[in-house]
């Protein structure tokens, strides 16, 4: 039930399987939180890049006096801002 600590020769109780399982759960939860934060950062950057691209396309359509394309991109920007 006890194992010796090689450094100090003091016997310490071994972790039970329950505690090991709980440690694994906590470790997985921490990894999931880190992955979630990374995914949120990526999604935020993709969102910003998407808005920049639509804005650029809108400006290009305005320069070409293409009202159909302009309306399409402006409605896309409007829809995104409502999300």
PDB file of N, CA and C in Angstrom:
ATOM      1  N   UNK A   1       0.818  -1.193   0.000  1.00  0.00           N
ATOM      2  CA  UNK A   1       0.000   0.000   0.000  1.00  0.00           C
ATOM      3  C   UNK A   1       0.865   1.261   0.000  1.00  0.00           C
ATOM      4  N   UNK A   2       2.022   1.161   0.629  1.00  0.00           N
ATOM      5  CA  UNK A   2       2.938   2.291   0.659  1.00  0.00           C
ATOM      6  C   UNK A   2       4.155   1.987  -0.205  1.00  0.00           C
ATOM      7  N   UNK A   3       4.720   3.032  -0.756  1.00  0.00           N
ATOM      8  CA  UNK A   3       5.959   2.824  -1.496  1.00  0.00           C
ATOM      9  C   UNK A   3       7.011   3.781  -0.954  1.00  0.00           C
ATOM     10  N   UNK A   4       8.221   3.365  -1.018  1.00  0.00           N
ATOM     11  CA  UNK A   4       9.295   4.190  -0.481  1.00  0.00           C
ATOM     12  C   UNK A   4       9.703   5.228  -1.511  1.00  0.00           C
ATOM     13  N   UNK A   5       9.906   6.404  -1.010  1.00  0.00           N
ATOM     14  CA  UNK A   5      10.434   7.476  -1.827  1.00  0.00           C
ATOM     15  C   UNK A   5      11.950   7.314  -1.816  1.00  0.00           C
ATOM     16  N   UNK A   6      12.546   7.116  -2.968  1.00  0.00           N
ATOM     17  CA  UNK A   6      13.972   6.813  -3.058  1.00  0.00           C
ATOM     18  C   UNK A   6      14.848   7.961  -2.573  1.00  0.00           C
ATOM     19  N   UNK A   7      14.352   9.178  -2.664  1.00  0.00           N
ATOM     20  CA  UNK A   7      15.167  10.315  -2.266  1.00  0.00           C
ATOM     21  C   UNK A   7      15.277  10.434  -0.748  1.00  0.00           C
ATOM     22  N   UNK A   8      14.190  10.200  -0.040  1.00  0.00           N
ATOM     23  CA  UNK A   8      14.219  10.450   1.399  1.00  0.00           C
ATOM     24  C   UNK A   8      13.963   9.211   2.244  1.00  0.00           C
ATOM     25  N   UNK A   9      13.691   8.086   1.603  1.00  0.00           N
ATOM     26  CA  UNK A   9      13.365   6.842   2.307  1.00  0.00           C
ATOM     27  C   UNK A   9      12.142   6.975   3.211  1.00  0.00           C
ATOM     28  N   UNK A  10      11.304   7.936   2.948  1.00  0.00           N
ATOM     29  CA  UNK A  10      10.055   8.093   3.695  1.00  0.00           C
ATOM     30  C   UNK A  10       8.966   7.411   2.890  1.00  0.00           C
ATOM     31  N   UNK A  11       8.186   6.610   3.581  1.00  0.00           N
ATOM     32  CA  UNK A  11       7.111   5.912   2.883  1.00  0.00           C
ATOM     33  C   UNK A  11       5.959   6.878   2.637  1.00  0.00           C
ATOM     34  N   UNK A  12       5.492   6.887   1.409  1.00  0.00           N
ATOM     35  CA  UNK A  12       4.358   7.730   1.031  1.00  0.00           C
ATOM     36  C   UNK A  12       3.283   6.830   0.454  1.00  0.00           C
ATOM     37  N   UNK A  13       2.026   7.166   0.725  1.00  0.00           N
ATOM     38  CA  UNK A  13       0.961   6.328   0.167  1.00  0.00           C
ATOM     39  C   UNK A  13       0.928   6.446  -1.354  1.00  0.00           C
ATOM     40  N   UNK A  14       0.667   5.334  -2.025  1.00  0.00           N
ATOM     41  CA  UNK A  14       0.511   5.355  -3.476  1.00  0.00           C
ATOM     42  C   UNK A  14      -0.828   5.984  -3.813  1.00  0.00           C
ATOM     43  N   UNK A  15      -0.891   6.600  -4.964  1.00  0.00           N
ATOM     44  CA  UNK A  15      -2.168   7.146  -5.410  1.00  0.00           C
ATOM     45  C   UNK A  15      -3.077   5.996  -5.794  1.00  0.00           C
ATOM     46  N   UNK A  16      -4.310   6.125  -5.382  1.00  0.00           N
ATOM     47  CA  UNK A  16      -5.253   5.077  -5.758  1.00  0.00           C
ATOM     48  C   UNK A  16      -5.638   5.256  -7.223  1.00  0.00           C
ATOM     49  N   UNK A  17      -6.264   4.247  -7.782  1.00  0.00           N
ATOM     50  CA  UNK A  17      -6.697   4.322  -9.179  1.00  0.00           C
ATOM     51  C   UNK A  17      -7.679   5.465  -9.372  1.00  0.00           C
ATOM     52  N   UNK A  18      -8.504   5.705  -8.350  1.00  0.00           N
ATOM     53  CA  UNK A  18      -9.494   6.784  -8.443  1.00  0.00           C
ATOM     54  C   UNK A  18      -8.794   8.123  -8.613  1.00  0.00           C
ATOM     55  N   UNK A  19      -7.757   8.355  -7.806  1.00  0.00           N
ATOM     56  CA  UNK A  19      -7.042   9.618  -7.912  1.00  0.00           C
ATOM     57  C   UNK A  19      -6.336   9.743  -9.257  1.00  0.00           C
ATOM     58  N   UNK A  20      -5.752   8.659  -9.741  1.00  0.00           N
ATOM     59  CA  UNK A  20      -5.104   8.693 -11.056  1.00  0.00           C
ATOM     60  C   UNK A  20      -6.116   9.037 -12.140  1.00  0.00           C
ATOM     61  N   UNK A  21      -7.295   8.433 -12.027  1.00  0.00           N
ATOM     62  CA  UNK A  21      -8.349   8.690 -13.009  1.00  0.00           C
ATOM     63  C   UNK A  21      -8.771  10.159 -12.952  1.00  0.00           C
ATOM     64  N   UNK A  22      -8.901  10.701 -11.747  1.00  0.00           N
ATOM     65  CA  UNK A  22      -9.271  12.111 -11.595  1.00  0.00           C
ATOM     66  C   UNK A  22      -8.185  13.017 -12.177  1.00  0.00           C
ATOM     67  N   UNK A  23      -6.919  12.669 -11.944  1.00  0.00           N
ATOM     68  CA  UNK A  23      -5.817  13.453 -12.506  1.00  0.00           C
ATOM     69  C   UNK A  23      -5.877  13.454 -14.029  1.00  0.00           C
ATOM     70  N   UNK A  24      -6.180  12.303 -14.617  1.00  0.00           N
ATOM     71  CA  UNK A  24      -6.288  12.212 -16.075  1.00  0.00           C
ATOM     72  C   UNK A  24      -7.445  13.060 -16.579  1.00  0.00           C
ATOM     73  N   UNK A  25      -8.557  13.061 -15.844  1.00  0.00           N
ATOM     74  CA  UNK A  25      -9.710  13.871 -16.248  1.00  0.00           C
ATOM     75  C   UNK A  25      -9.356  15.355 -16.223  1.00  0.00           C
ATOM     76  N   UNK A  26      -8.669  15.771 -15.158  1.00  0.00           N
ATOM     77  CA  UNK A  26      -8.279  17.177 -15.039  1.00  0.00           C
ATOM     78  C   UNK A  26      -7.322  17.550 -16.166  1.00  0.00           C
ATOM     79  N   UNK A  27      -6.377  16.674 -16.457  1.00  0.00           N
ATOM     80  CA  UNK A  27      -5.419  16.929 -17.526  1.00  0.00           C
ATOM     81  C   UNK A  27      -6.127  17.054 -18.873  1.00  0.00           C
ATOM     82  N   UNK A  28      -7.087  16.171 -19.142  1.00  0.00           N
ATOM     83  CA  UNK A  28      -7.839  16.234 -20.398  1.00  0.00           C
ATOM     84  C   UNK A  28      -8.655  17.514 -20.464  1.00  0.00           C
ATOM     85  N   UNK A  29      -9.257  17.912 -19.327  1.00  0.00           N
ATOM     86  CA  UNK A  29     -10.053  19.136 -19.282  1.00  0.00           C
ATOM     87  C   UNK A  29      -9.177  20.342 -19.591  1.00  0.00           C
ATOM     88  N   UNK A  30      -7.981  20.384 -19.002  1.00  0.00           N
ATOM     89  CA  UNK A  30      -7.059  21.487 -19.261  1.00  0.00           C
ATOM     90  C   UNK A  30      -6.665  21.532 -20.734  1.00  0.00           C
ATOM     91  N   UNK A  31      -6.398  20.371 -21.327  1.00  0.00           N
ATOM     92  CA  UNK A  31      -6.050  20.323 -22.751  1.00  0.00           C
ATOM     93  C   UNK A  31      -7.219  20.809 -23.597  1.00  0.00           C
ATOM     94  N   UNK A  32      -8.441  20.420 -23.215  1.00  0.00           N
ATOM     95  CA  UNK A  32      -9.621  20.854 -23.964  1.00  0.00           C
ATOM     96  C   UNK A  32      -9.798  22.362 -23.874  1.00  0.00           C
ATOM     97  N   UNK A  33      -9.524  22.938 -22.699  1.00  0.00           N
ATOM     98  CA  UNK A  33      -9.638  24.393 -22.551  1.00  0.00           C
ATOM     99  C   UNK A  33      -8.629  25.100 -23.443  1.00  0.00           C
ATOM    100  N   UNK A  34      -7.415  24.565 -23.485  1.00  0.00           N
ATOM    101  CA  UNK A  34      -6.373  25.157 -24.329  1.00  0.00           C
ATOM    102  C   UNK A  34      -6.762  25.055 -25.797  1.00  0.00           C
ATOM    103  N   UNK A  35      -7.263  23.894 -26.208  1.00  0.00           N
ATOM    104  CA  UNK A  35      -7.696  23.719 -27.599  1.00  0.00           C
ATOM    105  C   UNK A  35      -8.852  24.645 -27.934  1.00  0.00           C
ATOM    106  N   UNK A  36      -9.776  24.830 -26.987  1.00  0.00           N
ATOM    107  CA  UNK A  36     -10.909  25.724 -27.211  1.00  0.00           C
ATOM    108  C   UNK A  36     -10.431  27.159 -27.395  1.00  0.00           C
ATOM    109  N   UNK A  37      -9.500  27.599 -26.567  1.00  0.00           N
ATOM    110  CA  UNK A  37      -8.962  28.955 -26.705  1.00  0.00           C
ATOM    111  C   UNK A  37      -8.259  29.139 -28.048  1.00  0.00           C
ATOM    112  N   UNK A  38      -7.499  28.140 -28.462  1.00  0.00           N
ATOM    113  CA  UNK A  38      -6.826  28.213 -29.761  1.00  0.00           C
ATOM    114  C   UNK A  38      -7.841  28.265 -30.895  1.00  0.00           C
ATOM    115  N   UNK A  39      -8.895  27.469 -30.794  1.00  0.00           N
ATOM    116  CA  UNK A  39      -9.941  27.461 -31.820  1.00  0.00           C
ATOM    117  C   UNK A  39     -10.649  28.808 -31.874  1.00  0.00           C
ATOM    118  N   UNK A  40     -10.888  29.418 -30.707  1.00  0.00           N
ATOM    119  CA  UNK A  40     -11.532  30.729 -30.673  1.00  0.00           C
ATOM    120  C   UNK A  40     -10.654  31.792 -31.323  1.00  0.00           C
ATOM    121  N   UNK A  41      -9.343  31.729 -31.074  1.00  0.00           N
ATOM    122  CA  UNK A  41      -8.422  32.685 -31.692  1.00  0.00           C
ATOM    123  C   UNK A  41      -8.429  32.529 -33.209  1.00  0.00           C
ATOM    124  N   UNK A  42      -8.394  31.287 -33.675  1.00  0.00           N
ATOM    125  CA  UNK A  42      -8.400  31.024 -35.119  1.00  0.00           C
ATOM    126  C   UNK A  42      -9.707  31.504 -35.737  1.00  0.00           C
ATOM    127  N   UNK A  43     -10.828  31.204 -35.078  1.00  0.00           N
ATOM    128  CA  UNK A  43     -12.135  31.623 -35.595  1.00  0.00           C
ATOM    129  C   UNK A  43     -12.228  33.141 -35.658  1.00  0.00           C
ATOM    130  N   UNK A  44     -11.706  33.804 -34.645  1.00  0.00           N
ATOM    131  CA  UNK A  44     -11.721  35.264 -34.627  1.00  0.00           C
ATOM    132  C   UNK A  44     -10.907  35.827 -35.788  1.00  0.00           C
ATOM    133  N   UNK A  45      -9.745  35.240 -36.038  1.00  0.00           N
ATOM    134  CA  UNK A  45      -8.902  35.708 -37.139  1.00  0.00           C
ATOM    135  C   UNK A  45      -9.566  35.444 -38.491  1.00  0.00           C
ATOM    136  N   UNK A  46     -10.181  34.290 -38.645  1.00  0.00           N
ATOM    137  CA  UNK A  46     -10.881  33.963 -39.891  1.00  0.00           C
ATOM    138  C   UNK A  46     -12.025  34.942 -40.115  1.00  0.00           C
ATOM    139  N   UNK A  47     -12.747  35.265 -39.048  1.00  0.00           N
ATOM    140  CA  UNK A  47     -13.856  36.220 -39.122  1.00  0.00           C
ATOM    141  C   UNK A  47     -13.339  37.580 -39.600  1.00  0.00           C
ATOM    142  N   UNK A  48     -12.245  38.047 -38.982  1.00  0.00           N
ATOM    143  CA  UNK A  48     -11.668  39.340 -39.370  1.00  0.00           C
ATOM    144  C   UNK A  48     -11.192  39.308 -40.819  1.00  0.00           C
ATOM    145  N   UNK A  49     -10.525  38.224 -41.203  1.00  0.00           N
ATOM    146  CA  UNK A  49     -10.041  38.100 -42.583  1.00  0.00           C
ATOM    147  C   UNK A  49     -11.198  38.077 -43.571  1.00  0.00           C
ATOM    148  N   UNK A  50     -12.288  37.403 -43.196  1.00  0.00           N
ATOM    149  CA  UNK A  50     -13.469  37.337 -44.057  1.00  0.00           C
ATOM    150  C   UNK A  50     -14.080  38.708 -44.273  1.00  0.00           C
ATOM    151  N   UNK A  51     -14.188  39.479 -43.194  1.00  0.00           N
ATOM    152  CA  UNK A  51     -14.743  40.832 -43.305  1.00  0.00           C
ATOM    153  C   UNK A  51     -13.841  41.698 -44.183  1.00  0.00           C
ATOM    154  N   UNK A  52     -12.531  41.582 -43.991  1.00  0.00           N
ATOM    155  CA  UNK A  52     -11.593  42.362 -44.816  1.00  0.00           C
ATOM    156  C   UNK A  52     -11.750  42.012 -46.292  1.00  0.00           C
ATOM    157  N   UNK A  53     -11.894  40.722 -46.582  1.00  0.00           N
ATOM    158  CA  UNK A  53     -12.022  40.283 -47.975  1.00  0.00           C
ATOM    159  C   UNK A  53     -13.327  40.794 -48.589  1.00  0.00           C
ATOM    160  N   UNK A  54     -14.416  40.691 -47.845  1.00  0.00           N
ATOM    161  CA  UNK A  54     -15.702  41.182 -48.371  1.00  0.00           C
ATOM    162  C   UNK A  54     -15.646  42.695 -48.562  1.00  0.00           C
ATOM    163  N   UNK A  55     -15.024  43.400 -47.627  1.00  0.00           N
ATOM    164  CA  UNK A  55     -14.881  44.849 -47.761  1.00  0.00           C
ATOM    165  C   UNK A  55     -14.087  45.193 -49.018  1.00  0.00           C
ATOM    166  N   UNK A  56     -12.994  44.468 -49.236  1.00  0.00           N
ATOM    167  CA  UNK A  56     -12.163  44.695 -50.426  1.00  0.00           C
ATOM    168  C   UNK A  56     -12.975  44.452 -51.706  1.00  0.00           C
ATOM    169  N   UNK A  57     -13.748  43.363 -51.729  1.00  0.00           N
ATOM    170  CA  UNK A  57     -14.579  43.067 -52.899  1.00  0.00           C
ATOM    171  C   UNK A  57     -15.646  44.138 -53.108  1.00  0.00           C
ATOM    172  N   UNK A  58     -16.189  44.658 -52.008  1.00  0.00           N
ATOM    173  CA  UNK A  58     -17.195  45.725 -52.104  1.00  0.00           C
ATOM    174  C   UNK A  58     -16.579  46.974 -52.720  1.00  0.00           C
ATOM    175  N   UNK A  59     -15.397  47.344 -52.257  1.00  0.00           N
ATOM    176  CA  UNK A  59     -14.715  48.526 -52.801  1.00  0.00           C
ATOM    177  C   UNK A  59     -14.410  48.325 -54.282  1.00  0.00           C
ATOM    178  N   UNK A  60     -13.941  47.139 -54.645  1.00  0.00           N
ATOM    179  CA  UNK A  60     -13.668  46.853 -56.060  1.00  0.00           C
ATOM    180  C   UNK A  60     -14.940  46.967 -56.900  1.00  0.00           C
ATOM    181  N   UNK A  61     -16.051  46.456 -56.382  1.00  0.00           N
ATOM    182  CA  UNK A  61     -17.326  46.529 -57.113  1.00  0.00           C
ATOM    183  C   UNK A  61     -17.782  47.975 -57.253  1.00  0.00           C
ATOM    184  N   UNK A  62     -17.563  48.776 -56.206  1.00  0.00           N
ATOM    185  CA  UNK A  62     -17.929  50.196 -56.281  1.00  0.00           C
ATOM    186  C   UNK A  62     -17.091  50.920 -57.340  1.00  0.00           C
ATOM    187  N   UNK A  63     -15.812  50.580 -57.406  1.00  0.00           N
ATOM    188  CA  UNK A  63     -14.928  51.205 -58.400  1.00  0.00           C
ATOM    189  C   UNK A  63     -15.360  50.857 -59.820  1.00  0.00           C
ATOM    190  N   UNK A  64     -15.916  49.650 -59.995  1.00  0.00           N
ATOM    191  CA  UNK A  64     -16.363  49.205 -61.318  1.00  0.00           C
ATOM    192  C   UNK A  64     -17.791  49.656 -61.620  1.00  0.00           C
ATOM    193  N   UNK A  65     -18.434  50.331 -60.669  1.00  0.00           N
ATOM    194  CA  UNK A  65     -19.840  50.742 -60.793  1.00  0.00           C
ATOM    195  C   UNK A  65     -20.761  49.555 -61.038  1.00  0.00           C
ATOM    196  N   UNK A  66     -20.464  48.430 -60.427  1.00  0.00           N
ATOM    197  CA  UNK A  66     -21.281  47.225 -60.559  1.00  0.00           C
ATOM    198  C   UNK A  66     -22.246  47.171 -59.375  1.00  0.00           C
ATOM    199  N   UNK A  67     -23.452  47.670 -59.597  1.00  0.00           N
ATOM    200  CA  UNK A  67     -24.404  47.791 -58.488  1.00  0.00           C
ATOM    201  C   UNK A  67     -24.849  46.432 -57.949  1.00  0.00           C
ATOM    202  N   UNK A  68     -24.965  45.431 -58.826  1.00  0.00           N
ATOM    203  CA  UNK A  68     -25.383  44.097 -58.370  1.00  0.00           C
ATOM    204  C   UNK A  68     -24.362  43.513 -57.394  1.00  0.00           C
ATOM    205  N   UNK A  69     -23.088  43.540 -57.795  1.00  0.00           N
ATOM    206  CA  UNK A  69     -22.020  43.015 -56.935  1.00  0.00           C
ATOM    207  C   UNK A  69     -21.921  43.829 -55.646  1.00  0.00           C
ATOM    208  N   UNK A  70     -22.026  45.150 -55.761  1.00  0.00           N
ATOM    209  CA  UNK A  70     -21.951  46.014 -54.581  1.00  0.00           C
ATOM    210  C   UNK A  70     -23.049  45.667 -53.592  1.00  0.00           C
ATOM    211  N   UNK A  71     -24.282  45.540 -54.088  1.00  0.00           N
ATOM    212  CA  UNK A  71     -25.410  45.186 -53.211  1.00  0.00           C
ATOM    213  C   UNK A  71     -25.189  43.826 -52.550  1.00  0.00           C
ATOM    214  N   UNK A  72     -24.660  42.890 -53.322  1.00  0.00           N
ATOM    215  CA  UNK A  72     -24.416  41.548 -52.791  1.00  0.00           C
ATOM    216  C   UNK A  72     -23.411  41.597 -51.636  1.00  0.00           C
ATOM    217  N   UNK A  73     -22.317  42.314 -51.826  1.00  0.00           N
ATOM    218  CA  UNK A  73     -21.285  42.374 -50.789  1.00  0.00           C
ATOM    219  C   UNK A  73     -21.739  43.198 -49.583  1.00  0.00           C
ATOM    220  N   UNK A  74     -22.460  44.275 -49.838  1.00  0.00           N
ATOM    221  CA  UNK A  74     -22.959  45.089 -48.723  1.00  0.00           C
ATOM    222  C   UNK A  74     -23.958  44.294 -47.893  1.00  0.00           C
ATOM    223  N   UNK A  75     -24.812  43.518 -48.545  1.00  0.00           N
ATOM    224  CA  UNK A  75     -25.753  42.694 -47.775  1.00  0.00           C
ATOM    225  C   UNK A  75     -25.005  41.614 -46.991  1.00  0.00           C
ATOM    226  N   UNK A  76     -23.900  41.110 -47.544  1.00  0.00           N
ATOM    227  CA  UNK A  76     -23.075  40.144 -46.808  1.00  0.00           C
ATOM    228  C   UNK A  76     -22.476  40.783 -45.563  1.00  0.00           C
ATOM    229  N   UNK A  77     -21.945  41.994 -45.726  1.00  0.00           N
ATOM    230  CA  UNK A  77     -21.386  42.701 -44.571  1.00  0.00           C
ATOM    231  C   UNK A  77     -22.460  42.999 -43.536  1.00  0.00           C
ATOM    232  N   UNK A  78     -23.638  43.375 -44.016  1.00  0.00           N
ATOM    233  CA  UNK A  78     -24.746  43.652 -43.101  1.00  0.00           C
ATOM    234  C   UNK A  78     -25.138  42.402 -42.332  1.00  0.00           C
ATOM    235  N   UNK A  79     -25.200  41.283 -43.038  1.00  0.00           N
ATOM    236  CA  UNK A  79     -25.554  40.017 -42.394  1.00  0.00           C
ATOM    237  C   UNK A  79     -24.506  39.624 -41.349  1.00  0.00           C
ATOM    238  N   UNK A  80     -23.246  39.786 -41.683  1.00  0.00           N
ATOM    239  CA  UNK A  80     -22.170  39.442 -40.747  1.00  0.00           C
ATOM    240  C   UNK A  80     -22.235  40.319 -39.502  1.00  0.00           C
ATOM    241  N   UNK A  81     -22.527  41.596 -39.670  1.00  0.00           N
ATOM    242  CA  UNK A  81     -22.571  42.492 -38.507  1.00  0.00           C
ATOM    243  C   UNK A  81     -23.744  42.177 -37.588  1.00  0.00           C
ATOM    244  N   UNK A  82     -24.764  41.480 -38.109  1.00  0.00           N
ATOM    245  CA  UNK A  82     -25.915  41.101 -37.278  1.00  0.00           C
ATOM    246  C   UNK A  82     -25.696  39.798 -36.530  1.00  0.00           C
ATOM    247  N   UNK A  83     -24.615  39.111 -36.820  1.00  0.00           N
ATOM    248  CA  UNK A  83     -24.344  37.821 -36.166  1.00  0.00           C
ATOM    249  C   UNK A  83     -23.869  38.048 -34.751  1.00  0.00           C
TER     250      UNK A  83
END
